[in-house]
Amino acid sequence: QVQLVESGGGLVQAGGSLRLSCSISRSSLTINTMAWHRQTPGKQRELVAQMTADGTTTYPDSVRGRFSISRDNAKNTVLLQMNSLRPEDTAVYYCRVMMHDRDSQYGFWGQGTQVTVSS
């Protein structure tokens, strides 16, 4: 079982920055994609950044140019750099990793980390 442990959330003023980290436990599975999602009460979880195994990144319009996803291979960690934060970025942020072996694909979620942006 793969475990994802997020850290780096907190309270920040509008215009500020935060960096989220997602530590991925070692396994024999191969990573397909890594992503960050966020969710606010009463709303569906939404994708905010995705990186495929070849390094291709995807962002929705709401965060493009402000958020950046990256991977630290040495530490087996996925990072989300968030700049120019807005109050509407307030949410619980979740790390998501899709992995595979020869027979199957697997998806894993982290436990979530709260990000609160004050106006």
N, C-alpha and C. Protein backbone atom coordinates (compact mmCIF):
# COMPACT_ATOMS: atom_id res chain seq x y z
N GLN A 1 0.84 -1.19 0.00
CA GLN A 1 0.00 0.00 0.00
C GLN A 1 0.88 1.24 0.00
N VAL A 2 0.62 2.12 -0.96
CA VAL A 2 1.37 3.36 -1.07
C VAL A 2 0.73 4.40 -0.16
N GLN A 3 1.55 5.14 0.54
CA GLN A 3 1.06 6.23 1.38
C GLN A 3 1.57 7.57 0.89
N LEU A 4 0.67 8.54 0.91
CA LEU A 4 1.02 9.91 0.53
C LEU A 4 0.84 10.79 1.76
N VAL A 5 1.85 11.56 2.08
CA VAL A 5 1.78 12.43 3.25
C VAL A 5 2.04 13.86 2.80
N GLU A 6 1.02 14.70 2.96
CA GLU A 6 1.13 16.10 2.54
C GLU A 6 1.56 16.97 3.72
N SER A 7 2.19 18.07 3.37
CA SER A 7 2.56 19.07 4.36
C SER A 7 2.69 20.42 3.67
N GLY A 8 2.76 21.47 4.48
CA GLY A 8 3.01 22.79 3.92
C GLY A 8 1.81 23.72 3.91
N GLY A 9 0.64 23.24 4.27
CA GLY A 9 -0.53 24.10 4.29
C GLY A 9 -0.46 25.08 5.44
N GLY A 10 -1.39 26.01 5.45
CA GLY A 10 -1.42 26.98 6.54
C GLY A 10 -2.22 28.20 6.17
N LEU A 11 -2.02 29.26 6.95
CA LEU A 11 -2.71 30.53 6.75
C LEU A 11 -1.76 31.54 6.14
N VAL A 12 -2.22 32.20 5.09
CA VAL A 12 -1.39 33.20 4.41
C VAL A 12 -2.28 34.35 3.96
N GLN A 13 -1.71 35.53 3.88
CA GLN A 13 -2.46 36.67 3.38
C GLN A 13 -2.54 36.63 1.86
N ALA A 14 -3.57 37.27 1.34
CA ALA A 14 -3.72 37.37 -0.11
C ALA A 14 -2.46 37.99 -0.71
N GLY A 15 -2.02 37.41 -1.82
CA GLY A 15 -0.80 37.85 -2.47
C GLY A 15 0.43 37.08 -2.03
N GLY A 16 0.29 36.30 -0.99
CA GLY A 16 1.41 35.54 -0.46
C GLY A 16 1.61 34.23 -1.18
N SER A 17 2.56 33.44 -0.67
CA SER A 17 2.93 32.17 -1.30
C SER A 17 2.97 31.05 -0.27
N LEU A 18 2.73 29.86 -0.75
CA LEU A 18 2.90 28.65 0.04
C LEU A 18 3.45 27.57 -0.88
N ARG A 19 4.18 26.62 -0.30
CA ARG A 19 4.63 25.46 -1.04
C ARG A 19 4.15 24.21 -0.33
N LEU A 20 3.36 23.42 -1.04
CA LEU A 20 2.88 22.15 -0.52
C LEU A 20 3.81 21.03 -0.96
N SER A 21 3.94 20.04 -0.08
CA SER A 21 4.80 18.90 -0.36
C SER A 21 4.01 17.62 -0.14
N CYS A 22 4.23 16.64 -1.01
CA CYS A 22 3.58 15.34 -0.90
C CYS A 22 4.66 14.26 -0.98
N SER A 23 4.89 13.61 0.13
CA SER A 23 5.89 12.55 0.18
C SER A 23 5.24 11.22 -0.17
N ILE A 24 5.82 10.53 -1.15
CA ILE A 24 5.26 9.28 -1.65
C ILE A 24 6.11 8.13 -1.11
N SER A 25 5.47 7.17 -0.42
CA SER A 25 6.23 6.04 0.11
C SER A 25 6.76 5.20 -1.05
N ARG A 26 7.92 4.61 -0.80
CA ARG A 26 8.55 3.79 -1.84
C ARG A 26 7.74 2.54 -2.11
N SER A 27 7.69 2.15 -3.37
CA SER A 27 6.98 0.94 -3.75
C SER A 27 7.56 0.42 -5.06
N SER A 28 7.07 -0.73 -5.48
CA SER A 28 7.51 -1.31 -6.74
C SER A 28 6.68 -0.81 -7.91
N LEU A 29 5.66 0.00 -7.63
CA LEU A 29 4.79 0.51 -8.69
C LEU A 29 5.46 1.66 -9.43
N THR A 30 5.04 1.86 -10.66
CA THR A 30 5.56 2.94 -11.50
C THR A 30 4.56 4.08 -11.53
N ILE A 31 5.05 5.29 -11.36
CA ILE A 31 4.17 6.45 -11.36
C ILE A 31 3.78 6.85 -12.78
N ASN A 32 2.46 7.02 -13.00
CA ASN A 32 1.96 7.53 -14.28
C ASN A 32 1.81 9.04 -14.22
N THR A 33 0.99 9.48 -13.27
CA THR A 33 0.75 10.90 -13.13
C THR A 33 0.75 11.28 -11.65
N MET A 34 1.07 12.55 -11.40
CA MET A 34 1.01 13.13 -10.07
C MET A 34 0.17 14.39 -10.18
N ALA A 35 -0.64 14.64 -9.19
CA ALA A 35 -1.54 15.78 -9.30
C ALA A 35 -1.89 16.33 -7.92
N TRP A 36 -2.33 17.56 -7.95
CA TRP A 36 -2.91 18.20 -6.77
C TRP A 36 -4.35 18.59 -7.10
N HIS A 37 -5.23 18.31 -6.15
CA HIS A 37 -6.63 18.69 -6.25
C HIS A 37 -6.97 19.53 -5.02
N ARG A 38 -8.10 20.21 -5.09
CA ARG A 38 -8.56 20.94 -3.92
C ARG A 38 -10.06 20.83 -3.80
N GLN A 39 -10.53 21.02 -2.58
CA GLN A 39 -11.96 20.90 -2.33
C GLN A 39 -12.38 21.85 -1.23
N THR A 40 -13.51 22.51 -1.47
CA THR A 40 -14.14 23.35 -0.46
C THR A 40 -15.48 22.72 -0.09
N PRO A 41 -16.00 23.03 1.09
CA PRO A 41 -17.26 22.42 1.53
C PRO A 41 -18.38 22.62 0.53
N GLY A 42 -19.08 21.54 0.22
CA GLY A 42 -20.22 21.61 -0.67
C GLY A 42 -19.87 21.61 -2.15
N LYS A 43 -18.60 21.55 -2.47
CA LYS A 43 -18.19 21.56 -3.87
C LYS A 43 -17.43 20.28 -4.21
N GLN A 44 -17.39 19.98 -5.50
CA GLN A 44 -16.62 18.81 -5.96
C GLN A 44 -15.14 19.11 -5.90
N ARG A 45 -14.39 18.05 -5.72
CA ARG A 45 -12.93 18.18 -5.74
C ARG A 45 -12.50 18.56 -7.16
N GLU A 46 -11.60 19.53 -7.27
CA GLU A 46 -11.18 19.99 -8.59
C GLU A 46 -9.66 19.87 -8.73
N LEU A 47 -9.25 19.59 -9.96
CA LEU A 47 -7.84 19.48 -10.28
C LEU A 47 -7.23 20.87 -10.35
N VAL A 48 -6.05 21.06 -9.72
CA VAL A 48 -5.36 22.34 -9.84
C VAL A 48 -4.00 22.22 -10.52
N ALA A 49 -3.45 21.02 -10.57
CA ALA A 49 -2.16 20.85 -11.26
C ALA A 49 -1.92 19.36 -11.48
N GLN A 50 -1.34 19.04 -12.62
CA GLN A 50 -1.05 17.64 -12.94
C GLN A 50 0.27 17.56 -13.70
N MET A 51 1.03 16.53 -13.40
CA MET A 51 2.27 16.28 -14.12
C MET A 51 2.31 14.81 -14.52
N THR A 52 2.54 14.53 -15.81
CA THR A 52 2.67 13.16 -16.27
C THR A 52 4.11 12.69 -16.11
N ALA A 53 4.33 11.41 -16.34
CA ALA A 53 5.65 10.84 -16.15
C ALA A 53 6.71 11.48 -17.04
N ASP A 54 6.29 11.98 -18.21
CA ASP A 54 7.25 12.62 -19.11
C ASP A 54 7.45 14.10 -18.80
N GLY A 55 6.81 14.58 -17.74
CA GLY A 55 7.01 15.96 -17.31
C GLY A 55 6.01 16.95 -17.85
N THR A 56 5.04 16.51 -18.62
CA THR A 56 4.02 17.41 -19.14
C THR A 56 3.12 17.88 -18.00
N THR A 57 2.90 19.18 -17.93
CA THR A 57 2.08 19.75 -16.86
C THR A 57 0.78 20.32 -17.41
N THR A 58 -0.23 20.32 -16.58
CA THR A 58 -1.55 20.83 -16.93
C THR A 58 -2.09 21.63 -15.76
N TYR A 59 -2.67 22.79 -16.07
CA TYR A 59 -3.28 23.64 -15.05
C TYR A 59 -4.61 24.19 -15.56
N PRO A 60 -5.59 24.33 -14.69
CA PRO A 60 -6.81 25.03 -15.12
C PRO A 60 -6.54 26.53 -15.18
N ASP A 61 -7.41 27.24 -15.87
CA ASP A 61 -7.23 28.68 -16.04
C ASP A 61 -7.17 29.42 -14.70
N SER A 62 -7.86 28.88 -13.70
CA SER A 62 -7.97 29.57 -12.41
C SER A 62 -6.63 29.69 -11.69
N VAL A 63 -5.66 28.81 -12.01
CA VAL A 63 -4.38 28.85 -11.30
C VAL A 63 -3.18 28.99 -12.23
N ARG A 64 -3.42 28.89 -13.55
CA ARG A 64 -2.29 28.94 -14.49
C ARG A 64 -1.51 30.24 -14.34
N GLY A 65 -0.21 30.11 -14.27
CA GLY A 65 0.64 31.29 -14.10
C GLY A 65 0.92 31.61 -12.64
N ARG A 66 0.16 31.01 -11.73
CA ARG A 66 0.36 31.25 -10.30
C ARG A 66 0.83 29.99 -9.57
N PHE A 67 0.37 28.83 -10.00
CA PHE A 67 0.73 27.56 -9.36
C PHE A 67 1.71 26.80 -10.27
N SER A 68 2.58 26.03 -9.63
CA SER A 68 3.53 25.24 -10.39
C SER A 68 3.77 23.91 -9.68
N ILE A 69 3.60 22.81 -10.43
CA ILE A 69 3.82 21.48 -9.89
C ILE A 69 5.20 21.01 -10.32
N SER A 70 5.88 20.33 -9.41
CA SER A 70 7.19 19.80 -9.74
C SER A 70 7.43 18.52 -8.94
N ARG A 71 8.51 17.83 -9.30
CA ARG A 71 8.81 16.55 -8.65
C ARG A 71 10.26 16.53 -8.22
N ASP A 72 10.49 16.11 -7.00
CA ASP A 72 11.84 15.91 -6.50
C ASP A 72 12.07 14.41 -6.47
N ASN A 73 12.76 13.90 -7.51
CA ASN A 73 12.93 12.46 -7.63
C ASN A 73 13.76 11.88 -6.49
N ALA A 74 14.74 12.61 -6.05
CA ALA A 74 15.62 12.11 -4.99
C ALA A 74 14.85 11.86 -3.69
N LYS A 75 13.86 12.72 -3.44
CA LYS A 75 13.08 12.60 -2.20
C LYS A 75 11.73 11.92 -2.44
N ASN A 76 11.45 11.52 -3.69
CA ASN A 76 10.17 10.92 -4.04
C ASN A 76 9.01 11.78 -3.55
N THR A 77 9.07 13.05 -3.92
CA THR A 77 8.14 14.04 -3.42
C THR A 77 7.58 14.86 -4.57
N VAL A 78 6.30 15.20 -4.45
CA VAL A 78 5.64 16.09 -5.40
C VAL A 78 5.39 17.42 -4.71
N LEU A 79 5.72 18.49 -5.40
CA LEU A 79 5.61 19.82 -4.82
C LEU A 79 4.58 20.65 -5.58
N LEU A 80 3.92 21.55 -4.86
CA LEU A 80 3.04 22.53 -5.48
C LEU A 80 3.41 23.90 -4.94
N GLN A 81 4.01 24.70 -5.81
CA GLN A 81 4.34 26.07 -5.45
C GLN A 81 3.17 26.95 -5.81
N MET A 82 2.65 27.67 -4.83
CA MET A 82 1.48 28.52 -5.04
C MET A 82 1.86 29.97 -4.74
N ASN A 83 1.78 30.80 -5.76
CA ASN A 83 2.10 32.21 -5.63
C ASN A 83 0.87 33.07 -5.88
N SER A 84 0.97 34.32 -5.48
CA SER A 84 -0.13 35.27 -5.69
C SER A 84 -1.46 34.69 -5.24
N LEU A 85 -1.47 34.14 -4.05
CA LEU A 85 -2.65 33.46 -3.56
C LEU A 85 -3.82 34.43 -3.35
N ARG A 86 -5.00 33.90 -3.59
CA ARG A 86 -6.25 34.67 -3.48
C ARG A 86 -7.16 34.01 -2.45
N PRO A 87 -8.08 34.75 -1.88
CA PRO A 87 -9.01 34.14 -0.92
C PRO A 87 -9.76 32.94 -1.51
N GLU A 88 -10.04 32.99 -2.81
CA GLU A 88 -10.77 31.88 -3.45
C GLU A 88 -9.91 30.63 -3.60
N ASP A 89 -8.63 30.70 -3.29
CA ASP A 89 -7.78 29.52 -3.28
C ASP A 89 -7.91 28.74 -1.98
N THR A 90 -8.63 29.31 -1.02
CA THR A 90 -8.83 28.62 0.25
C THR A 90 -9.54 27.29 0.03
N ALA A 91 -8.95 26.21 0.53
CA ALA A 91 -9.49 24.86 0.32
C ALA A 91 -8.62 23.86 1.06
N VAL A 92 -9.08 22.63 1.08
CA VAL A 92 -8.23 21.52 1.47
C VAL A 92 -7.58 20.99 0.20
N TYR A 93 -6.27 20.89 0.20
CA TYR A 93 -5.52 20.44 -0.97
C TYR A 93 -5.08 19.00 -0.77
N TYR A 94 -5.31 18.20 -1.83
CA TYR A 94 -5.02 16.77 -1.79
C TYR A 94 -4.02 16.40 -2.87
N CYS A 95 -3.09 15.58 -2.51
CA CYS A 95 -2.15 14.99 -3.46
C CYS A 95 -2.77 13.71 -4.02
N ARG A 96 -2.57 13.49 -5.31
CA ARG A 96 -3.11 12.31 -5.99
C ARG A 96 -2.03 11.72 -6.88
N VAL A 97 -1.81 10.42 -6.77
CA VAL A 97 -0.82 9.76 -7.61
C VAL A 97 -1.45 8.54 -8.26
N MET A 98 -1.26 8.41 -9.57
CA MET A 98 -1.72 7.24 -10.31
C MET A 98 -0.48 6.41 -10.65
N MET A 99 -0.56 5.12 -10.35
CA MET A 99 0.58 4.24 -10.53
C MET A 99 0.13 2.95 -11.22
N HIS A 100 1.08 2.18 -11.69
CA HIS A 100 0.73 0.92 -12.32
C HIS A 100 1.82 -0.11 -12.11
N ASP A 101 1.38 -1.37 -12.22
CA ASP A 101 2.33 -2.45 -12.38
C ASP A 101 1.96 -3.17 -13.67
N ARG A 102 2.48 -4.35 -13.89
CA ARG A 102 2.24 -5.03 -15.16
C ARG A 102 0.76 -5.35 -15.37
N ASP A 103 0.01 -5.51 -14.29
CA ASP A 103 -1.36 -6.00 -14.40
C ASP A 103 -2.43 -4.95 -14.19
N SER A 104 -2.18 -3.96 -13.39
CA SER A 104 -3.25 -3.05 -12.99
C SER A 104 -2.75 -1.62 -12.80
N GLN A 105 -3.75 -0.71 -12.71
CA GLN A 105 -3.46 0.67 -12.36
C GLN A 105 -4.06 0.95 -10.98
N TYR A 106 -3.42 1.87 -10.28
CA TYR A 106 -3.83 2.17 -8.91
C TYR A 106 -3.81 3.68 -8.70
N GLY A 107 -4.76 4.14 -7.91
CA GLY A 107 -4.81 5.55 -7.56
C GLY A 107 -4.75 5.72 -6.05
N PHE A 108 -3.97 6.69 -5.61
CA PHE A 108 -3.81 6.93 -4.18
C PHE A 108 -4.02 8.42 -3.88
N TRP A 109 -4.65 8.67 -2.73
CA TRP A 109 -4.88 10.04 -2.26
C TRP A 109 -4.13 10.27 -0.96
N GLY A 110 -3.69 11.49 -0.78
CA GLY A 110 -3.19 11.90 0.52
C GLY A 110 -4.35 12.30 1.42
N GLN A 111 -4.01 12.66 2.66
CA GLN A 111 -5.04 12.95 3.65
C GLN A 111 -5.55 14.38 3.56
N GLY A 112 -4.86 15.23 2.81
CA GLY A 112 -5.27 16.61 2.64
C GLY A 112 -4.57 17.55 3.60
N THR A 113 -4.36 18.76 3.12
CA THR A 113 -3.78 19.81 3.95
C THR A 113 -4.54 21.11 3.71
N GLN A 114 -4.88 21.81 4.78
CA GLN A 114 -5.71 23.02 4.68
C GLN A 114 -4.87 24.21 4.27
N VAL A 115 -5.37 24.93 3.28
CA VAL A 115 -4.79 26.21 2.87
C VAL A 115 -5.86 27.28 3.06
N THR A 116 -5.54 28.31 3.83
CA THR A 116 -6.46 29.40 4.07
C THR A 116 -5.80 30.70 3.68
N VAL A 117 -6.46 31.44 2.78
CA VAL A 117 -5.93 32.71 2.31
C VAL A 117 -6.85 33.82 2.80
N SER A 118 -6.30 34.71 3.60
CA SER A 118 -7.09 35.80 4.17
C SER A 118 -7.02 37.03 3.27
N SER A 119 -8.09 37.79 3.26
CA SER A 119 -8.13 38.99 2.40
C SER A 119 -7.61 40.21 3.14
